[in-house]
Amino acid sequence: SEGQCWAVDAGPSGSFAGKAGGVAMWTASGWRFSAPNAGTNVWNKASGYTIRWGGSAWSGGEVEGSAIHVNGVKVVGETLPAPPSPSGGTIIDTEARASLNALIATLKSHGLIS
């Protein structure tokens, strides 16, 4: 319907043929196309999140930045090296080591440490 817009993905066909990477807008006069600039963000109603034109493709669901702040406090920043896994010592506590290893693995899986 009039006013709807579509992000055109790679390999479009039909009315969108030759318009890969563009934005298609339906108007009273038919389709209008616009070429986005790198960094253009649009709301994807179907997925419920913003998609971004990176200059060669649309991507979505990702947030780029150098840090996340909550109430002025930095809670996530650049990826840091992983702490060493526990080893050695005179008393081996397998439960503590398992917990620490699980914590390290979780931090790695979230990209918070390398």
PDB file of N, CA and C in Angstrom:
ATOM      1  N   SER A   1       0.838  -1.187   0.000  1.00  0.00           N
ATOM      2  CA  SER A   1       0.000   0.000   0.000  1.00  0.00           C
ATOM      3  C   SER A   1       0.882   1.250   0.000  1.00  0.00           C
ATOM      4  N   GLU A   2       0.294   2.347  -0.372  1.00  0.00           N
ATOM      5  CA  GLU A   2       1.021   3.601  -0.499  1.00  0.00           C
ATOM      6  C   GLU A   2       1.744   3.961   0.801  1.00  0.00           C
ATOM      7  N   GLY A   3       3.001   4.333   0.668  1.00  0.00           N
ATOM      8  CA  GLY A   3       3.818   4.707   1.817  1.00  0.00           C
ATOM      9  C   GLY A   3       4.711   3.598   2.335  1.00  0.00           C
ATOM     10  N   GLN A   4       4.471   2.364   1.888  1.00  0.00           N
ATOM     11  CA  GLN A   4       5.334   1.273   2.335  1.00  0.00           C
ATOM     12  C   GLN A   4       6.683   1.357   1.640  1.00  0.00           C
ATOM     13  N   CYS A   5       7.719   0.930   2.368  1.00  0.00           N
ATOM     14  CA  CYS A   5       9.076   0.921   1.835  1.00  0.00           C
ATOM     15  C   CYS A   5       9.679  -0.460   2.036  1.00  0.00           C
ATOM     16  N   TRP A   6      10.583  -0.823   1.148  1.00  0.00           N
ATOM     17  CA  TRP A   6      11.218  -2.131   1.185  1.00  0.00           C
ATOM     18  C   TRP A   6      12.714  -1.977   0.966  1.00  0.00           C
ATOM     19  N   ALA A   7      13.523  -2.648   1.784  1.00  0.00           N
ATOM     20  CA  ALA A   7      14.962  -2.735   1.545  1.00  0.00           C
ATOM     21  C   ALA A   7      15.149  -3.845   0.514  1.00  0.00           C
ATOM     22  N   VAL A   8      15.809  -3.537  -0.588  1.00  0.00           N
ATOM     23  CA  VAL A   8      15.978  -4.504  -1.673  1.00  0.00           C
ATOM     24  C   VAL A   8      17.275  -5.266  -1.450  1.00  0.00           C
ATOM     25  N   ASP A   9      17.163  -6.568  -1.316  1.00  0.00           N
ATOM     26  CA  ASP A   9      18.319  -7.432  -1.068  1.00  0.00           C
ATOM     27  C   ASP A   9      19.029  -7.741  -2.383  1.00  0.00           C
ATOM     28  N   ALA A  10      20.075  -8.562  -2.313  1.00  0.00           N
ATOM     29  CA  ALA A  10      20.824  -8.970  -3.502  1.00  0.00           C
ATOM     30  C   ALA A  10      19.970  -9.868  -4.393  1.00  0.00           C
ATOM     31  N   GLY A  11      20.151  -9.755  -5.696  1.00  0.00           N
ATOM     32  CA  GLY A  11      19.474 -10.630  -6.654  1.00  0.00           C
ATOM     33  C   GLY A  11      17.986 -10.416  -6.789  1.00  0.00           C
ATOM     34  N   PRO A  12      17.496  -9.185  -6.791  1.00  0.00           N
ATOM     35  CA  PRO A  12      16.055  -8.973  -6.892  1.00  0.00           C
ATOM     36  C   PRO A  12      15.531  -9.281  -8.302  1.00  0.00           C
ATOM     37  N   SER A  13      14.240  -9.510  -8.387  1.00  0.00           N
ATOM     38  CA  SER A  13      13.615  -9.787  -9.684  1.00  0.00           C
ATOM     39  C   SER A  13      12.345  -8.956  -9.807  1.00  0.00           C
ATOM     40  N   GLY A  14      11.676  -9.102 -10.932  1.00  0.00           N
ATOM     41  CA  GLY A  14      10.425  -8.381 -11.156  1.00  0.00           C
ATOM     42  C   GLY A  14      10.640  -6.884 -11.146  1.00  0.00           C
ATOM     43  N   SER A  15       9.749  -6.167 -10.480  1.00  0.00           N
ATOM     44  CA  SER A  15       9.829  -4.702 -10.414  1.00  0.00           C
ATOM     45  C   SER A  15      11.104  -4.203  -9.754  1.00  0.00           C
ATOM     46  N   PHE A  16      11.744  -5.075  -8.947  1.00  0.00           N
ATOM     47  CA  PHE A  16      12.952  -4.657  -8.227  1.00  0.00           C
ATOM     48  C   PHE A  16      14.231  -5.011  -8.976  1.00  0.00           C
ATOM     49  N   ALA A  17      14.120  -5.661 -10.142  1.00  0.00           N
ATOM     50  CA  ALA A  17      15.310  -6.079 -10.897  1.00  0.00           C
ATOM     51  C   ALA A  17      16.223  -4.881 -11.147  1.00  0.00           C
ATOM     52  N   GLY A  18      17.509  -5.081 -10.904  1.00  0.00           N
ATOM     53  CA  GLY A  18      18.489  -4.022 -11.118  1.00  0.00           C
ATOM     54  C   GLY A  18      18.557  -3.006  -9.998  1.00  0.00           C
ATOM     55  N   LYS A  19      17.814  -3.213  -8.938  1.00  0.00           N
ATOM     56  CA  LYS A  19      17.764  -2.244  -7.830  1.00  0.00           C
ATOM     57  C   LYS A  19      18.346  -2.818  -6.539  1.00  0.00           C
ATOM     58  N   ALA A  20      19.228  -3.820  -6.644  1.00  0.00           N
ATOM     59  CA  ALA A  20      19.815  -4.469  -5.460  1.00  0.00           C
ATOM     60  C   ALA A  20      20.428  -3.436  -4.520  1.00  0.00           C
ATOM     61  N   GLY A  21      20.140  -3.585  -3.239  1.00  0.00           N
ATOM     62  CA  GLY A  21      20.690  -2.701  -2.216  1.00  0.00           C
ATOM     63  C   GLY A  21      19.941  -1.406  -2.042  1.00  0.00           C
ATOM     64  N   GLY A  22      18.968  -1.150  -2.890  1.00  0.00           N
ATOM     65  CA  GLY A  22      18.233   0.102  -2.793  1.00  0.00           C
ATOM     66  C   GLY A  22      17.073   0.041  -1.816  1.00  0.00           C
ATOM     67  N   VAL A  23      16.355   1.137  -1.754  1.00  0.00           N
ATOM     68  CA  VAL A  23      15.124   1.215  -0.970  1.00  0.00           C
ATOM     69  C   VAL A  23      14.003   1.448  -1.978  1.00  0.00           C
ATOM     70  N   ALA A  24      13.000   0.591  -1.954  1.00  0.00           N
ATOM     71  CA  ALA A  24      11.848   0.703  -2.851  1.00  0.00           C
ATOM     72  C   ALA A  24      10.684   1.287  -2.070  1.00  0.00           C
ATOM     73  N   MET A  25      10.054   2.315  -2.624  1.00  0.00           N
ATOM     74  CA  MET A  25       8.926   2.983  -1.961  1.00  0.00           C
ATOM     75  C   MET A  25       7.722   2.959  -2.887  1.00  0.00           C
ATOM     76  N   TRP A  26       6.575   2.547  -2.377  1.00  0.00           N
ATOM     77  CA  TRP A  26       5.364   2.532  -3.184  1.00  0.00           C
ATOM     78  C   TRP A  26       4.643   3.861  -3.019  1.00  0.00           C
ATOM     79  N   THR A  27       4.371   4.517  -4.131  1.00  0.00           N
ATOM     80  CA  THR A  27       3.679   5.809  -4.108  1.00  0.00           C
ATOM     81  C   THR A  27       2.417   5.718  -4.960  1.00  0.00           C
ATOM     82  N   ALA A  28       1.658   6.793  -4.967  1.00  0.00           N
ATOM     83  CA  ALA A  28       0.454   6.842  -5.802  1.00  0.00           C
ATOM     84  C   ALA A  28       0.812   6.697  -7.275  1.00  0.00           C
ATOM     85  N   SER A  29       2.051   7.029  -7.637  1.00  0.00           N
ATOM     86  CA  SER A  29       2.504   6.928  -9.031  1.00  0.00           C
ATOM     87  C   SER A  29       3.268   5.647  -9.319  1.00  0.00           C
ATOM     88  N   GLY A  30       3.354   4.744  -8.358  1.00  0.00           N
ATOM     89  CA  GLY A  30       4.070   3.484  -8.552  1.00  0.00           C
ATOM     90  C   GLY A  30       5.343   3.437  -7.733  1.00  0.00           C
ATOM     91  N   TRP A  31       6.227   2.521  -8.103  1.00  0.00           N
ATOM     92  CA  TRP A  31       7.470   2.329  -7.362  1.00  0.00           C
ATOM     93  C   TRP A  31       8.441   3.475  -7.593  1.00  0.00           C
ATOM     94  N   ARG A  32       9.097   3.894  -6.522  1.00  0.00           N
ATOM     95  CA  ARG A  32      10.200   4.855  -6.574  1.00  0.00           C
ATOM     96  C   ARG A  32      11.353   4.178  -5.848  1.00  0.00           C
ATOM     97  N   PHE A  33      12.565   4.405  -6.334  1.00  0.00           N
ATOM     98  CA  PHE A  33      13.749   3.761  -5.766  1.00  0.00           C
ATOM     99  C   PHE A  33      14.753   4.804  -5.341  1.00  0.00           C
ATOM    100  N   SER A  34      15.433   4.496  -4.258  1.00  0.00           N
ATOM    101  CA  SER A  34      16.474   5.378  -3.737  1.00  0.00           C
ATOM    102  C   SER A  34      17.681   4.526  -3.361  1.00  0.00           C
ATOM    103  N   ALA A  35      18.874   5.034  -3.633  1.00  0.00           N
ATOM    104  CA  ALA A  35      20.105   4.335  -3.250  1.00  0.00           C
ATOM    105  C   ALA A  35      20.536   4.855  -1.879  1.00  0.00           C
ATOM    106  N   PRO A  36      20.626   3.987  -0.881  1.00  0.00           N
ATOM    107  CA  PRO A  36      21.015   4.450   0.457  1.00  0.00           C
ATOM    108  C   PRO A  36      22.515   4.736   0.531  1.00  0.00           C
ATOM    109  N   ASN A  37      22.886   5.607   1.436  1.00  0.00           N
ATOM    110  CA  ASN A  37      24.291   5.853   1.751  1.00  0.00           C
ATOM    111  C   ASN A  37      24.735   4.828   2.783  1.00  0.00           C
ATOM    112  N   ALA A  38      26.028   4.497   2.793  1.00  0.00           N
ATOM    113  CA  ALA A  38      26.555   3.590   3.826  1.00  0.00           C
ATOM    114  C   ALA A  38      26.208   4.160   5.195  1.00  0.00           C
ATOM    115  N   GLY A  39      25.661   3.333   6.059  1.00  0.00           N
ATOM    116  CA  GLY A  39      25.260   3.763   7.395  1.00  0.00           C
ATOM    117  C   GLY A  39      23.783   4.074   7.517  1.00  0.00           C
ATOM    118  N   THR A  40      23.038   4.032   6.398  1.00  0.00           N
ATOM    119  CA  THR A  40      21.599   4.268   6.455  1.00  0.00           C
ATOM    120  C   THR A  40      20.932   3.168   7.274  1.00  0.00           C
ATOM    121  N   ASN A  41      20.101   3.552   8.230  1.00  0.00           N
ATOM    122  CA  ASN A  41      19.354   2.611   9.073  1.00  0.00           C
ATOM    123  C   ASN A  41      17.868   2.749   8.782  1.00  0.00           C
ATOM    124  N   VAL A  42      17.179   1.623   8.687  1.00  0.00           N
ATOM    125  CA  VAL A  42      15.732   1.627   8.510  1.00  0.00           C
ATOM    126  C   VAL A  42      15.116   0.604   9.461  1.00  0.00           C
ATOM    127  N   TRP A  43      13.888   0.843   9.834  1.00  0.00           N
ATOM    128  CA  TRP A  43      13.174  -0.073  10.733  1.00  0.00           C
ATOM    129  C   TRP A  43      12.565  -1.202   9.926  1.00  0.00           C
ATOM    130  N   ASN A  44      12.844  -2.440  10.321  1.00  0.00           N
ATOM    131  CA  ASN A  44      12.279  -3.611   9.673  1.00  0.00           C
ATOM    132  C   ASN A  44      11.071  -4.043  10.496  1.00  0.00           C
ATOM    133  N   LYS A  45       9.894  -3.700  10.026  1.00  0.00           N
ATOM    134  CA  LYS A  45       8.663  -3.980  10.762  1.00  0.00           C
ATOM    135  C   LYS A  45       8.469  -5.477  10.989  1.00  0.00           C
ATOM    136  N   ALA A  46       8.822  -6.293   9.985  1.00  0.00           N
ATOM    137  CA  ALA A  46       8.618  -7.743  10.094  1.00  0.00           C
ATOM    138  C   ALA A  46       9.477  -8.361  11.194  1.00  0.00           C
ATOM    139  N   SER A  47      10.739  -7.935  11.312  1.00  0.00           N
ATOM    140  CA  SER A  47      11.640  -8.530  12.303  1.00  0.00           C
ATOM    141  C   SER A  47      11.601  -7.794  13.637  1.00  0.00           C
ATOM    142  N   GLY A  48      11.186  -6.528  13.616  1.00  0.00           N
ATOM    143  CA  GLY A  48      11.131  -5.757  14.853  1.00  0.00           C
ATOM    144  C   GLY A  48      12.457  -5.135  15.252  1.00  0.00           C
ATOM    145  N   TYR A  49      13.385  -5.004  14.299  1.00  0.00           N
ATOM    146  CA  TYR A  49      14.628  -4.325  14.612  1.00  0.00           C
ATOM    147  C   TYR A  49      15.144  -3.555  13.408  1.00  0.00           C
ATOM    148  N   THR A  50      16.125  -2.719  13.660  1.00  0.00           N
ATOM    149  CA  THR A  50      16.712  -1.882  12.632  1.00  0.00           C
ATOM    150  C   THR A  50      17.638  -2.690  11.736  1.00  0.00           C
ATOM    151  N   ILE A  51      17.604  -2.397  10.431  1.00  0.00           N
ATOM    152  CA  ILE A  51      18.585  -2.962   9.516  1.00  0.00           C
ATOM    153  C   ILE A  51      19.438  -1.807   8.989  1.00  0.00           C
ATOM    154  N   ARG A  52      20.664  -2.138   8.594  1.00  0.00           N
ATOM    155  CA  ARG A  52      21.639  -1.106   8.223  1.00  0.00           C
ATOM    156  C   ARG A  52      22.262  -1.443   6.877  1.00  0.00           C
ATOM    157  N   TRP A  53      22.389  -0.417   6.033  1.00  0.00           N
ATOM    158  CA  TRP A  53      23.087  -0.572   4.758  1.00  0.00           C
ATOM    159  C   TRP A  53      24.557  -0.279   5.013  1.00  0.00           C
ATOM    160  N   GLY A  54      25.400  -1.283   4.838  1.00  0.00           N
ATOM    161  CA  GLY A  54      26.830  -1.127   5.102  1.00  0.00           C
ATOM    162  C   GLY A  54      27.632  -0.658   3.905  1.00  0.00           C
ATOM    163  N   GLY A  55      26.967  -0.418   2.779  1.00  0.00           N
ATOM    164  CA  GLY A  55      27.657   0.007   1.575  1.00  0.00           C
ATOM    165  C   GLY A  55      27.664  -1.063   0.511  1.00  0.00           C
ATOM    166  N   SER A  56      27.478  -2.327   0.926  1.00  0.00           N
ATOM    167  CA  SER A  56      27.429  -3.412  -0.054  1.00  0.00           C
ATOM    168  C   SER A  56      26.315  -4.417   0.246  1.00  0.00           C
ATOM    169  N   ALA A  57      25.725  -4.357   1.421  1.00  0.00           N
ATOM    170  CA  ALA A  57      24.648  -5.295   1.784  1.00  0.00           C
ATOM    171  C   ALA A  57      23.875  -4.765   2.982  1.00  0.00           C
ATOM    172  N   TRP A  58      22.644  -5.245   3.137  1.00  0.00           N
ATOM    173  CA  TRP A  58      21.831  -4.942   4.314  1.00  0.00           C
ATOM    174  C   TRP A  58      22.165  -5.960   5.404  1.00  0.00           C
ATOM    175  N   SER A  59      22.249  -5.515   6.639  1.00  0.00           N
ATOM    176  CA  SER A  59      22.428  -6.416   7.777  1.00  0.00           C
ATOM    177  C   SER A  59      21.495  -5.951   8.882  1.00  0.00           C
ATOM    178  N   GLY A  60      21.135  -6.875   9.751  1.00  0.00           N
ATOM    179  CA  GLY A  60      20.199  -6.496  10.800  1.00  0.00           C
ATOM    180  C   GLY A  60      20.436  -7.211  12.102  1.00  0.00           C
ATOM    181  N   GLY A  61      19.890  -6.628  13.159  1.00  0.00           N
ATOM    182  CA  GLY A  61      19.981  -7.235  14.469  1.00  0.00           C
ATOM    183  C   GLY A  61      21.314  -7.024  15.150  1.00  0.00           C
ATOM    184  N   GLU A  62      22.163  -6.185  14.598  1.00  0.00           N
ATOM    185  CA  GLU A  62      23.482  -5.938  15.170  1.00  0.00           C
ATOM    186  C   GLU A  62      23.581  -4.486  15.601  1.00  0.00           C
ATOM    187  N   VAL A  63      24.294  -4.260  16.672  1.00  0.00           N
ATOM    188  CA  VAL A  63      24.556  -2.906  17.148  1.00  0.00           C
ATOM    189  C   VAL A  63      26.063  -2.713  17.142  1.00  0.00           C
ATOM    190  N   GLU A  64      26.518  -1.646  16.528  1.00  0.00           N
ATOM    191  CA  GLU A  64      27.941  -1.375  16.494  1.00  0.00           C
ATOM    192  C   GLU A  64      28.248  -0.178  17.381  1.00  0.00           C
ATOM    193  N   GLY A  65      29.353  -0.259  18.070  1.00  0.00           N
ATOM    194  CA  GLY A  65      29.787   0.837  18.922  1.00  0.00           C
ATOM    195  C   GLY A  65      31.039   0.443  19.673  1.00  0.00           C
ATOM    196  N   SER A  66      31.537   1.340  20.477  1.00  0.00           N
ATOM    197  CA  SER A  66      32.757   1.057  21.227  1.00  0.00           C
ATOM    198  C   SER A  66      32.477   0.718  22.686  1.00  0.00           C
ATOM    199  N   ALA A  67      31.273   0.998  23.171  1.00  0.00           N
ATOM    200  CA  ALA A  67      30.949   0.708  24.567  1.00  0.00           C
ATOM    201  C   ALA A  67      29.434   0.791  24.770  1.00  0.00           C
ATOM    202  N   ILE A  68      28.976   0.176  25.852  1.00  0.00           N
ATOM    203  CA  ILE A  68      27.587   0.315  26.286  1.00  0.00           C
ATOM    204  C   ILE A  68      27.623   0.936  27.673  1.00  0.00           C
ATOM    205  N   HIS A  69      26.865   2.008  27.840  1.00  0.00           N
ATOM    206  CA  HIS A  69      26.793   2.701  29.124  1.00  0.00           C
ATOM    207  C   HIS A  69      25.373   2.600  29.661  1.00  0.00           C
ATOM    208  N   VAL A  70      25.238   2.353  30.952  1.00  0.00           N
ATOM    209  CA  VAL A  70      23.948   2.352  31.631  1.00  0.00           C
ATOM    210  C   VAL A  70      24.049   3.354  32.766  1.00  0.00           C
ATOM    211  N   ASN A  71      23.191   4.365  32.732  1.00  0.00           N
ATOM    212  CA  ASN A  71      23.209   5.438  33.737  1.00  0.00           C
ATOM    213  C   ASN A  71      24.610   6.030  33.897  1.00  0.00           C
ATOM    214  N   GLY A  72      25.286   6.238  32.775  1.00  0.00           N
ATOM    215  CA  GLY A  72      26.606   6.859  32.801  1.00  0.00           C
ATOM    216  C   GLY A  72      27.748   5.936  33.199  1.00  0.00           C
ATOM    217  N   VAL A  73      27.458   4.661  33.455  1.00  0.00           N
ATOM    218  CA  VAL A  73      28.491   3.711  33.854  1.00  0.00           C
ATOM    219  C   VAL A  73      28.745   2.752  32.698  1.00  0.00           C
ATOM    220  N   LYS A  74      30.009   2.636  32.291  1.00  0.00           N
ATOM    221  CA  LYS A  74      30.368   1.726  31.211  1.00  0.00           C
ATOM    222  C   LYS A  74      30.233   0.291  31.712  1.00  0.00           C
ATOM    223  N   VAL A  75      29.358  -0.483  31.052  1.00  0.00           N
ATOM    224  CA  VAL A  75      29.135  -1.867  31.467  1.00  0.00           C
ATOM    225  C   VAL A  75      29.729  -2.863  30.480  1.00  0.00           C
ATOM    226  N   VAL A  76      29.919  -2.463  29.228  1.00  0.00           N
ATOM    227  CA  VAL A  76      30.561  -3.302  28.227  1.00  0.00           C
ATOM    228  C   VAL A  76      31.445  -2.405  27.381  1.00  0.00           C
ATOM    229  N   GLY A  77      32.659  -2.836  27.180  1.00  0.00           N
ATOM    230  CA  GLY A  77      33.598  -2.077  26.362  1.00  0.00           C
ATOM    231  C   GLY A  77      34.296  -2.996  25.395  1.00  0.00           C
ATOM    232  N   GLU A  78      35.525  -2.649  25.066  1.00  0.00           N
ATOM    233  CA  GLU A  78      36.282  -3.445  24.107  1.00  0.00           C
ATOM    234  C   GLU A  78      36.551  -4.842  24.648  1.00  0.00           C
ATOM    235  N   THR A  79      36.757  -5.781  23.747  1.00  0.00           N
ATOM    236  CA  THR A  79      37.051  -7.157  24.123  1.00  0.00           C
ATOM    237  C   THR A  79      38.430  -7.222  24.759  1.00  0.00           C
ATOM    238  N   LEU A  80      38.517  -7.847  25.905  1.00  0.00           N
ATOM    239  CA  LEU A  80      39.773  -7.987  26.628  1.00  0.00           C
ATOM    240  C   LEU A  80      40.261  -9.425  26.544  1.00  0.00           C
ATOM    241  N   PRO A  81      41.547  -9.648  26.792  1.00  0.00           N
ATOM    242  CA  PRO A  81      42.029 -11.029  26.776  1.00  0.00           C
ATOM    243  C   PRO A  81      41.415 -11.841  27.907  1.00  0.00           C
ATOM    244  N   ALA A  82      41.295 -13.139  27.685  1.00  0.00           N
ATOM    245  CA  ALA A  82      40.724 -14.022  28.702  1.00  0.00           C
ATOM    246  C   ALA A  82      41.686 -14.178  29.867  1.00  0.00           C
ATOM    247  N   PRO A  83      41.146 -14.272  31.077  1.00  0.00           N
ATOM    248  CA  PRO A  83      42.013 -14.591  32.209  1.00  0.00           C
ATOM    249  C   PRO A  83      42.476 -16.034  32.082  1.00  0.00           C
ATOM    250  N   PRO A  84      43.579 -16.367  32.707  1.00  0.00           N
ATOM    251  CA  PRO A  84      44.037 -17.758  32.595  1.00  0.00           C
ATOM    252  C   PRO A  84      43.065 -18.712  33.290  1.00  0.00           C
ATOM    253  N   SER A  85      42.942 -19.895  32.751  1.00  0.00           N
ATOM    254  CA  SER A  85      42.125 -20.915  33.408  1.00  0.00           C
ATOM    255  C   SER A  85      42.832 -21.346  34.683  1.00  0.00           C
ATOM    256  N   PRO A  86      42.071 -21.698  35.718  1.00  0.00           N
ATOM    257  CA  PRO A  86      42.696 -22.101  36.975  1.00  0.00           C
ATOM    258  C   PRO A  86      43.503 -23.389  36.818  1.00  0.00           C
ATOM    259  N   SER A  87      44.676 -23.398  37.413  1.00  0.00           N
ATOM    260  CA  SER A  87      45.516 -24.596  37.401  1.00  0.00           C
ATOM    261  C   SER A  87      46.536 -24.474  38.517  1.00  0.00           C
ATOM    262  N   GLY A  88      47.123 -25.596  38.877  1.00  0.00           N
ATOM    263  CA  GLY A  88      48.153 -25.587  39.921  1.00  0.00           C
ATOM    264  C   GLY A  88      47.559 -25.386  41.305  1.00  0.00           C
ATOM    265  N   GLY A  89      48.385 -24.954  42.230  1.00  0.00           N
ATOM    266  CA  GLY A  89      47.950 -24.762  43.615  1.00  0.00           C
ATOM    267  C   GLY A  89      48.114 -26.030  44.415  1.00  0.00           C
ATOM    268  N   THR A  90      48.025 -25.892  45.726  1.00  0.00           N
ATOM    269  CA  THR A  90      48.223 -27.050  46.582  1.00  0.00           C
ATOM    270  C   THR A  90      46.936 -27.809  46.845  1.00  0.00           C
ATOM    271  N   ILE A  91      45.792 -27.131  46.761  1.00  0.00           N
ATOM    272  CA  ILE A  91      44.499 -27.789  46.965  1.00  0.00           C
ATOM    273  C   ILE A  91      43.705 -27.630  45.683  1.00  0.00           C
ATOM    274  N   ILE A  92      43.263 -28.737  45.127  1.00  0.00           N
ATOM    275  CA  ILE A  92      42.497 -28.697  43.891  1.00  0.00           C
ATOM    276  C   ILE A  92      41.020 -28.787  44.245  1.00  0.00           C
ATOM    277  N   ASP A  93      40.286 -27.748  43.879  1.00  0.00           N
ATOM    278  CA  ASP A  93      38.844 -27.716  44.120  1.00  0.00           C
ATOM    279  C   ASP A  93      38.162 -27.823  42.755  1.00  0.00           C
ATOM    280  N   THR A  94      37.753 -29.015  42.404  1.00  0.00           N
ATOM    281  CA  THR A  94      37.210 -29.253  41.064  1.00  0.00           C
ATOM    282  C   THR A  94      35.932 -28.465  40.796  1.00  0.00           C
ATOM    283  N   GLU A  95      35.088 -28.277  41.817  1.00  0.00           N
ATOM    284  CA  GLU A  95      33.856 -27.510  41.610  1.00  0.00           C
ATOM    285  C   GLU A  95      34.172 -26.055  41.322  1.00  0.00           C
ATOM    286  N   ALA A  96      35.124 -25.474  42.055  1.00  0.00           N
ATOM    287  CA  ALA A  96      35.497 -24.079  41.829  1.00  0.00           C
ATOM    288  C   ALA A  96      36.113 -23.918  40.445  1.00  0.00           C
ATOM    289  N   ARG A  97      36.983 -24.846  40.059  1.00  0.00           N
ATOM    290  CA  ARG A  97      37.601 -24.768  38.736  1.00  0.00           C
ATOM    291  C   ARG A  97      36.547 -24.908  37.637  1.00  0.00           C
ATOM    292  N   ALA A  98      35.605 -25.816  37.822  1.00  0.00           N
ATOM    293  CA  ALA A  98      34.551 -26.002  36.827  1.00  0.00           C
ATOM    294  C   ALA A  98      33.716 -24.722  36.697  1.00  0.00           C
ATOM    295  N   SER A  99      33.412 -24.083  37.824  1.00  0.00           N
ATOM    296  CA  SER A  99      32.642 -22.838  37.802  1.00  0.00           C
ATOM    297  C   SER A  99      33.408 -21.731  37.103  1.00  0.00           C
ATOM    298  N   LEU A 100      34.701 -21.597  37.425  1.00  0.00           N
ATOM    299  CA  LEU A 100      35.510 -20.564  36.781  1.00  0.00           C
ATOM    300  C   LEU A 100      35.643 -20.829  35.285  1.00  0.00           C
ATOM    301  N   ASN A 101      35.852 -22.069  34.901  1.00  0.00           N
ATOM    302  CA  ASN A 101      35.954 -22.392  33.479  1.00  0.00           C
ATOM    303  C   ASN A 101      34.643 -22.115  32.754  1.00  0.00           C
ATOM    304  N   ALA A 102      33.510 -22.406  33.391  1.00  0.00           N
ATOM    305  CA  ALA A 102      32.212 -22.111  32.786  1.00  0.00           C
ATOM    306  C   ALA A 102      32.025 -20.602  32.633  1.00  0.00           C
ATOM    307  N   LEU A 103      32.436 -19.833  33.627  1.00  0.00           N
ATOM    308  CA  LEU A 103      32.337 -18.375  33.553  1.00  0.00           C
ATOM    309  C   LEU A 103      33.199 -17.835  32.417  1.00  0.00           C
ATOM    310  N   ILE A 104      34.423 -18.322  32.308  1.00  0.00           N
ATOM    311  CA  ILE A 104      35.314 -17.883  31.233  1.00  0.00           C
ATOM    312  C   ILE A 104      34.711 -18.242  29.876  1.00  0.00           C
ATOM    313  N   ALA A 105      34.182 -19.451  29.741  1.00  0.00           N
ATOM    314  CA  ALA A 105      33.573 -19.877  28.477  1.00  0.00           C
ATOM    315  C   ALA A 105      32.384 -18.988  28.116  1.00  0.00           C
ATOM    316  N   THR A 106      31.585 -18.631  29.101  1.00  0.00           N
ATOM    317  CA  THR A 106      30.420 -17.769  28.852  1.00  0.00           C
ATOM    318  C   THR A 106      30.851 -16.381  28.410  1.00  0.00           C
ATOM    319  N   LEU A 107      31.841 -15.822  29.084  1.00  0.00           N
ATOM    320  CA  LEU A 107      32.357 -14.501  28.692  1.00  0.00           C
ATOM    321  C   LEU A 107      32.896 -14.523  27.274  1.00  0.00           C
ATOM    322  N   LYS A 108      33.586 -15.603  26.912  1.00  0.00           N
ATOM    323  CA  LYS A 108      34.099 -15.746  25.543  1.00  0.00           C
ATOM    324  C   LYS A 108      32.950 -15.842  24.532  1.00  0.00           C
ATOM    325  N   SER A 109      31.927 -16.629  24.869  1.00  0.00           N
ATOM    326  CA  SER A 109      30.827 -16.826  23.938  1.00  0.00           C
ATOM    327  C   SER A 109      30.053 -15.531  23.684  1.00  0.00           C
ATOM    328  N   HIS A 110      30.081 -14.618  24.653  1.00  0.00           N
ATOM    329  CA  HIS A 110      29.412 -13.330  24.497  1.00  0.00           C
ATOM    330  C   HIS A 110      30.337 -12.284  23.877  1.00  0.00           C
ATOM    331  N   GLY A 111      31.579 -12.677  23.593  1.00  0.00           N
ATOM    332  CA  GLY A 111      32.525 -11.762  22.966  1.00  0.00           C
ATOM    333  C   GLY A 111      33.099 -10.732  23.910  1.00  0.00           C
ATOM    334  N   LEU A 112      32.950 -10.936  25.206  1.00  0.00           N
ATOM    335  CA  LEU A 112      33.452  -9.961  26.166  1.00  0.00           C
ATOM    336  C   LEU A 112      34.929 -10.141  26.458  1.00  0.00           C
ATOM    337  N   ILE A 113      35.456 -11.333  26.219  1.00  0.00           N
ATOM    338  CA  ILE A 113      36.885 -11.600  26.318  1.00  0.00           C
ATOM    339  C   ILE A 113      37.259 -12.474  25.130  1.00  0.00           C
ATOM    340  N   SER A 114      38.553 -12.480  24.791  1.00  0.00           N
ATOM    341  CA  SER A 114      38.967 -13.261  23.618  1.00  0.00           C
ATOM    342  C   SER A 114      39.344 -14.675  24.003  1.00  0.00           C
TER     343      SER A 114
END
